[in-house]
C-alpha atoms as a PDB file:
ATOM      1  CA  UNK A   1       0.000   0.000   0.000  1.00  0.00           C
ATOM      2  CA  UNK A   2       1.435   3.415  -0.908  1.00  0.00           C
ATOM      3  CA  UNK A   3       1.107   4.926   2.563  1.00  0.00           C
ATOM      4  CA  UNK A   4       3.074   8.137   2.024  1.00  0.00           C
ATOM      5  CA  UNK A   5       1.156   8.807  -1.209  1.00  0.00           C
ATOM      6  CA  UNK A   6      -2.191   8.379   0.557  1.00  0.00           C
ATOM      7  CA  UNK A   7      -1.092  10.634   3.413  1.00  0.00           C
ATOM      8  CA  UNK A   8      -0.168  13.386   0.944  1.00  0.00           C
ATOM      9  CA  UNK A   9      -3.139  12.990  -1.420  1.00  0.00           C
ATOM     10  CA  UNK A  10      -5.974  12.249   1.015  1.00  0.00           C
ATOM     11  CA  UNK A  11      -4.868  14.216   4.093  1.00  0.00           C
ATOM     12  CA  UNK A  12      -2.432  16.861   2.785  1.00  0.00           C
ATOM     13  CA  UNK A  13       0.158  15.522   5.227  1.00  0.00           C
ATOM     14  CA  UNK A  14       3.841  15.471   4.319  1.00  0.00           C
ATOM     15  CA  UNK A  15       5.732  12.343   5.377  1.00  0.00           C
ATOM     16  CA  UNK A  16       9.510  12.613   5.699  1.00  0.00           C
ATOM     17  CA  UNK A  17      10.886   9.051   5.812  1.00  0.00           C
ATOM     18  CA  UNK A  18      13.641   8.831   8.415  1.00  0.00           C
ATOM     19  CA  UNK A  19      14.196   5.079   8.401  1.00  0.00           C
ATOM     20  CA  UNK A  20      12.531   2.186   6.624  1.00  0.00           C
ATOM     21  CA  UNK A  21      12.800  -1.572   7.021  1.00  0.00           C
ATOM     22  CA  UNK A  22      10.198  -2.841   4.586  1.00  0.00           C
ATOM     23  CA  UNK A  23      10.127  -5.930   2.383  1.00  0.00           C
ATOM     24  CA  UNK A  24       7.352  -6.971  -0.046  1.00  0.00           C
ATOM     25  CA  UNK A  25       4.609  -9.026   1.624  1.00  0.00           C
ATOM     26  CA  UNK A  26       6.324  -8.710   5.004  1.00  0.00           C
ATOM     27  CA  UNK A  27       5.708  -6.756   8.179  1.00  0.00           C
ATOM     28  CA  UNK A  28       8.014  -3.744   8.227  1.00  0.00           C
ATOM     29  CA  UNK A  29       8.935  -0.683  10.210  1.00  0.00           C
ATOM     30  CA  UNK A  30       8.795   2.870   8.975  1.00  0.00           C
ATOM     31  CA  UNK A  31       9.938   5.864  11.014  1.00  0.00           C
ATOM     32  CA  UNK A  32       8.445   9.044   9.594  1.00  0.00           C
ATOM     33  CA  UNK A  33       8.152  12.661  10.543  1.00  0.00           C
ATOM     34  CA  UNK A  34       4.667  13.918   9.708  1.00  0.00           C
ATOM     35  CA  UNK A  35       3.839  17.565   9.138  1.00  0.00           C
ATOM     36  CA  UNK A  36       0.585  19.300   8.330  1.00  0.00           C
ATOM     37  CA  UNK A  37      -2.485  20.810   9.923  1.00  0.00           C
ATOM     38  CA  UNK A  38      -3.164  19.246  13.350  1.00  0.00           C
ATOM     39  CA  UNK A  39      -6.690  18.122  12.370  1.00  0.00           C
ATOM     40  CA  UNK A  40      -5.376  16.509   9.189  1.00  0.00           C
ATOM     41  CA  UNK A  41      -2.569  14.834  11.146  1.00  0.00           C
ATOM     42  CA  UNK A  42      -5.085  13.348  13.569  1.00  0.00           C
ATOM     43  CA  UNK A  43      -7.268  12.139  10.675  1.00  0.00           C
ATOM     44  CA  UNK A  44      -4.219  10.633   8.946  1.00  0.00           C
ATOM     45  CA  UNK A  45      -3.179   8.778  12.102  1.00  0.00           C
ATOM     46  CA  UNK A  46      -6.740   7.518  12.581  1.00  0.00           C
ATOM     47  CA  UNK A  47      -6.770   6.303   8.948  1.00  0.00           C
ATOM     48  CA  UNK A  48      -3.447   4.469   9.399  1.00  0.00           C
ATOM     49  CA  UNK A  49      -4.781   2.727  12.497  1.00  0.00           C
ATOM     50  CA  UNK A  50      -7.957   1.771  10.578  1.00  0.00           C
ATOM     51  CA  UNK A  51      -5.665   0.096   8.027  1.00  0.00           C
ATOM     52  CA  UNK A  52      -4.175  -1.998  10.869  1.00  0.00           C
ATOM     53  CA  UNK A  53      -0.960   0.020  10.818  1.00  0.00           C
ATOM     54  CA  UNK A  54       0.523   0.311  14.288  1.00  0.00           C
ATOM     55  CA  UNK A  55       1.243   3.968  15.018  1.00  0.00           C
ATOM     56  CA  UNK A  56       3.559   4.891  17.868  1.00  0.00           C
ATOM     57  CA  UNK A  57       4.101   8.543  18.650  1.00  0.00           C
ATOM     58  CA  UNK A  58       7.613   9.592  19.648  1.00  0.00           C
ATOM     59  CA  UNK A  59       7.345   9.882  23.404  1.00  0.00           C
ATOM     60  CA  UNK A  60      10.752   8.412  23.982  1.00  0.00           C
ATOM     61  CA  UNK A  61      13.951  10.354  24.357  1.00  0.00           C
ATOM     62  CA  UNK A  62      17.612   9.857  23.507  1.00  0.00           C
ATOM     63  CA  UNK A  63      20.028   9.961  26.432  1.00  0.00           C
ATOM     64  CA  UNK A  64      23.794  10.389  26.259  1.00  0.00           C
ATOM     65  CA  UNK A  65      26.027   9.177  29.100  1.00  0.00           C
ATOM     66  CA  UNK A  66      28.547  12.004  29.380  1.00  0.00           C
ATOM     67  CA  UNK A  67      30.935   9.828  31.412  1.00  0.00           C
ATOM     68  CA  UNK A  68      31.075   7.124  28.713  1.00  0.00           C
ATOM     69  CA  UNK A  69      31.103   9.341  25.611  1.00  0.00           C
ATOM     70  CA  UNK A  70      34.556   9.679  24.003  1.00  0.00           C
ATOM     71  CA  UNK A  71      33.405  12.433  21.584  1.00  0.00           C
ATOM     72  CA  UNK A  72      34.471  10.424  18.520  1.00  0.00           C
ATOM     73  CA  UNK A  73      31.742  11.981  16.370  1.00  0.00           C
ATOM     74  CA  UNK A  74      30.547   8.779  14.682  1.00  0.00           C
ATOM     75  CA  UNK A  75      26.964   9.526  15.733  1.00  0.00           C
ATOM     76  CA  UNK A  76      27.067  12.957  14.103  1.00  0.00           C
ATOM     77  CA  UNK A  77      27.498  11.429  10.662  1.00  0.00           C
ATOM     78  CA  UNK A  78      24.362   9.302  10.953  1.00  0.00           C
ATOM     79  CA  UNK A  79      22.051  11.869  12.612  1.00  0.00           C
ATOM     80  CA  UNK A  80      19.550  13.023   9.937  1.00  0.00           C
ATOM     81  CA  UNK A  81      18.538  16.221  11.779  1.00  0.00           C
ATOM     82  CA  UNK A  82      21.977  17.273  13.048  1.00  0.00           C
ATOM     83  CA  UNK A  83      20.802  17.011  16.641  1.00  0.00           C
ATOM     84  CA  UNK A  84      24.238  15.542  17.351  1.00  0.00           C
ATOM     85  CA  UNK A  85      27.172  17.748  16.380  1.00  0.00           C
ATOM     86  CA  UNK A  86      30.782  18.251  17.369  1.00  0.00           C
ATOM     87  CA  UNK A  87      31.693  21.679  18.726  1.00  0.00           C
ATOM     88  CA  UNK A  88      34.183  23.200  16.276  1.00  0.00           C
ATOM     89  CA  UNK A  89      36.336  24.696  19.026  1.00  0.00           C
ATOM     90  CA  UNK A  90      36.355  21.976  21.698  1.00  0.00           C
ATOM     91  CA  UNK A  91      35.555  18.879  19.581  1.00  0.00           C
ATOM     92  CA  UNK A  92      33.057  17.860  22.266  1.00  0.00           C
ATOM     93  CA  UNK A  93      29.751  16.264  21.351  1.00  0.00           C
ATOM     94  CA  UNK A  94      26.763  18.597  21.533  1.00  0.00           C
ATOM     95  CA  UNK A  95      23.219  17.221  21.685  1.00  0.00           C
ATOM     96  CA  UNK A  96      20.379  19.562  20.699  1.00  0.00           C
ATOM     97  CA  UNK A  97      17.393  17.716  22.123  1.00  0.00           C
ATOM     98  CA  UNK A  98      14.836  19.900  20.305  1.00  0.00           C
ATOM     99  CA  UNK A  99      16.189  18.751  16.921  1.00  0.00           C
ATOM    100  CA  UNK A 100      16.112  15.036  17.834  1.00  0.00           C
ATOM    101  CA  UNK A 101      13.329  13.002  16.211  1.00  0.00           C
ATOM    102  CA  UNK A 102      14.221   9.812  18.106  1.00  0.00           C
ATOM    103  CA  UNK A 103      14.992   7.834  14.962  1.00  0.00           C
ATOM    104  CA  UNK A 104      17.473   5.800  17.068  1.00  0.00           C
ATOM    105  CA  UNK A 105      20.056   5.574  14.286  1.00  0.00           C
ATOM    106  CA  UNK A 106      22.756   6.909  16.608  1.00  0.00           C
ATOM    107  CA  UNK A 107      22.374   4.121  19.182  1.00  0.00           C
ATOM    108  CA  UNK A 108      23.983   1.246  17.234  1.00  0.00           C
ATOM    109  CA  UNK A 109      26.571   3.657  15.801  1.00  0.00           C
ATOM    110  CA  UNK A 110      28.117   4.535  19.179  1.00  0.00           C
ATOM    111  CA  UNK A 111      31.213   2.348  19.715  1.00  0.00           C
ATOM    112  CA  UNK A 112      31.130   2.759  23.516  1.00  0.00           C
ATOM    113  CA  UNK A 113      27.342   2.428  23.979  1.00  0.00           C
ATOM    114  CA  UNK A 114      27.058   5.921  25.462  1.00  0.00           C
ATOM    115  CA  UNK A 115      23.743   6.571  23.684  1.00  0.00           C
ATOM    116  CA  UNK A 116      20.531   4.953  24.849  1.00  0.00           C
ATOM    117  CA  UNK A 117      16.770   5.441  24.743  1.00  0.00           C
ATOM    118  CA  UNK A 118      14.677   6.545  27.704  1.00  0.00           C
ATOM    119  CA  UNK A 119      11.133   5.204  27.619  1.00  0.00           C
END
């Protein structure tokens, strides 16, 4: 089913695909950022649920263990919103929580497991 097409055409909701693990005729996972009018967003989410699509809203949060982080910068290369950056002067990792969309791509990238998810 062309979900992102239906969201755009039927609900005027833009879907920015952050991560996708989808195979034909299989159950998959799609992490998307939705934007549009709040009433249209609610209608789009209701429609997805009516199509037996499990919708989870991002209520989780990324956490960085400052004591474990070695400021290598590997996570900054994978972060799609640049919520994780290296300070140009100090080369220390900076986390801008308001930019984070909790796509979780940084978690497996961290070589010292300093990044985790808070539920």
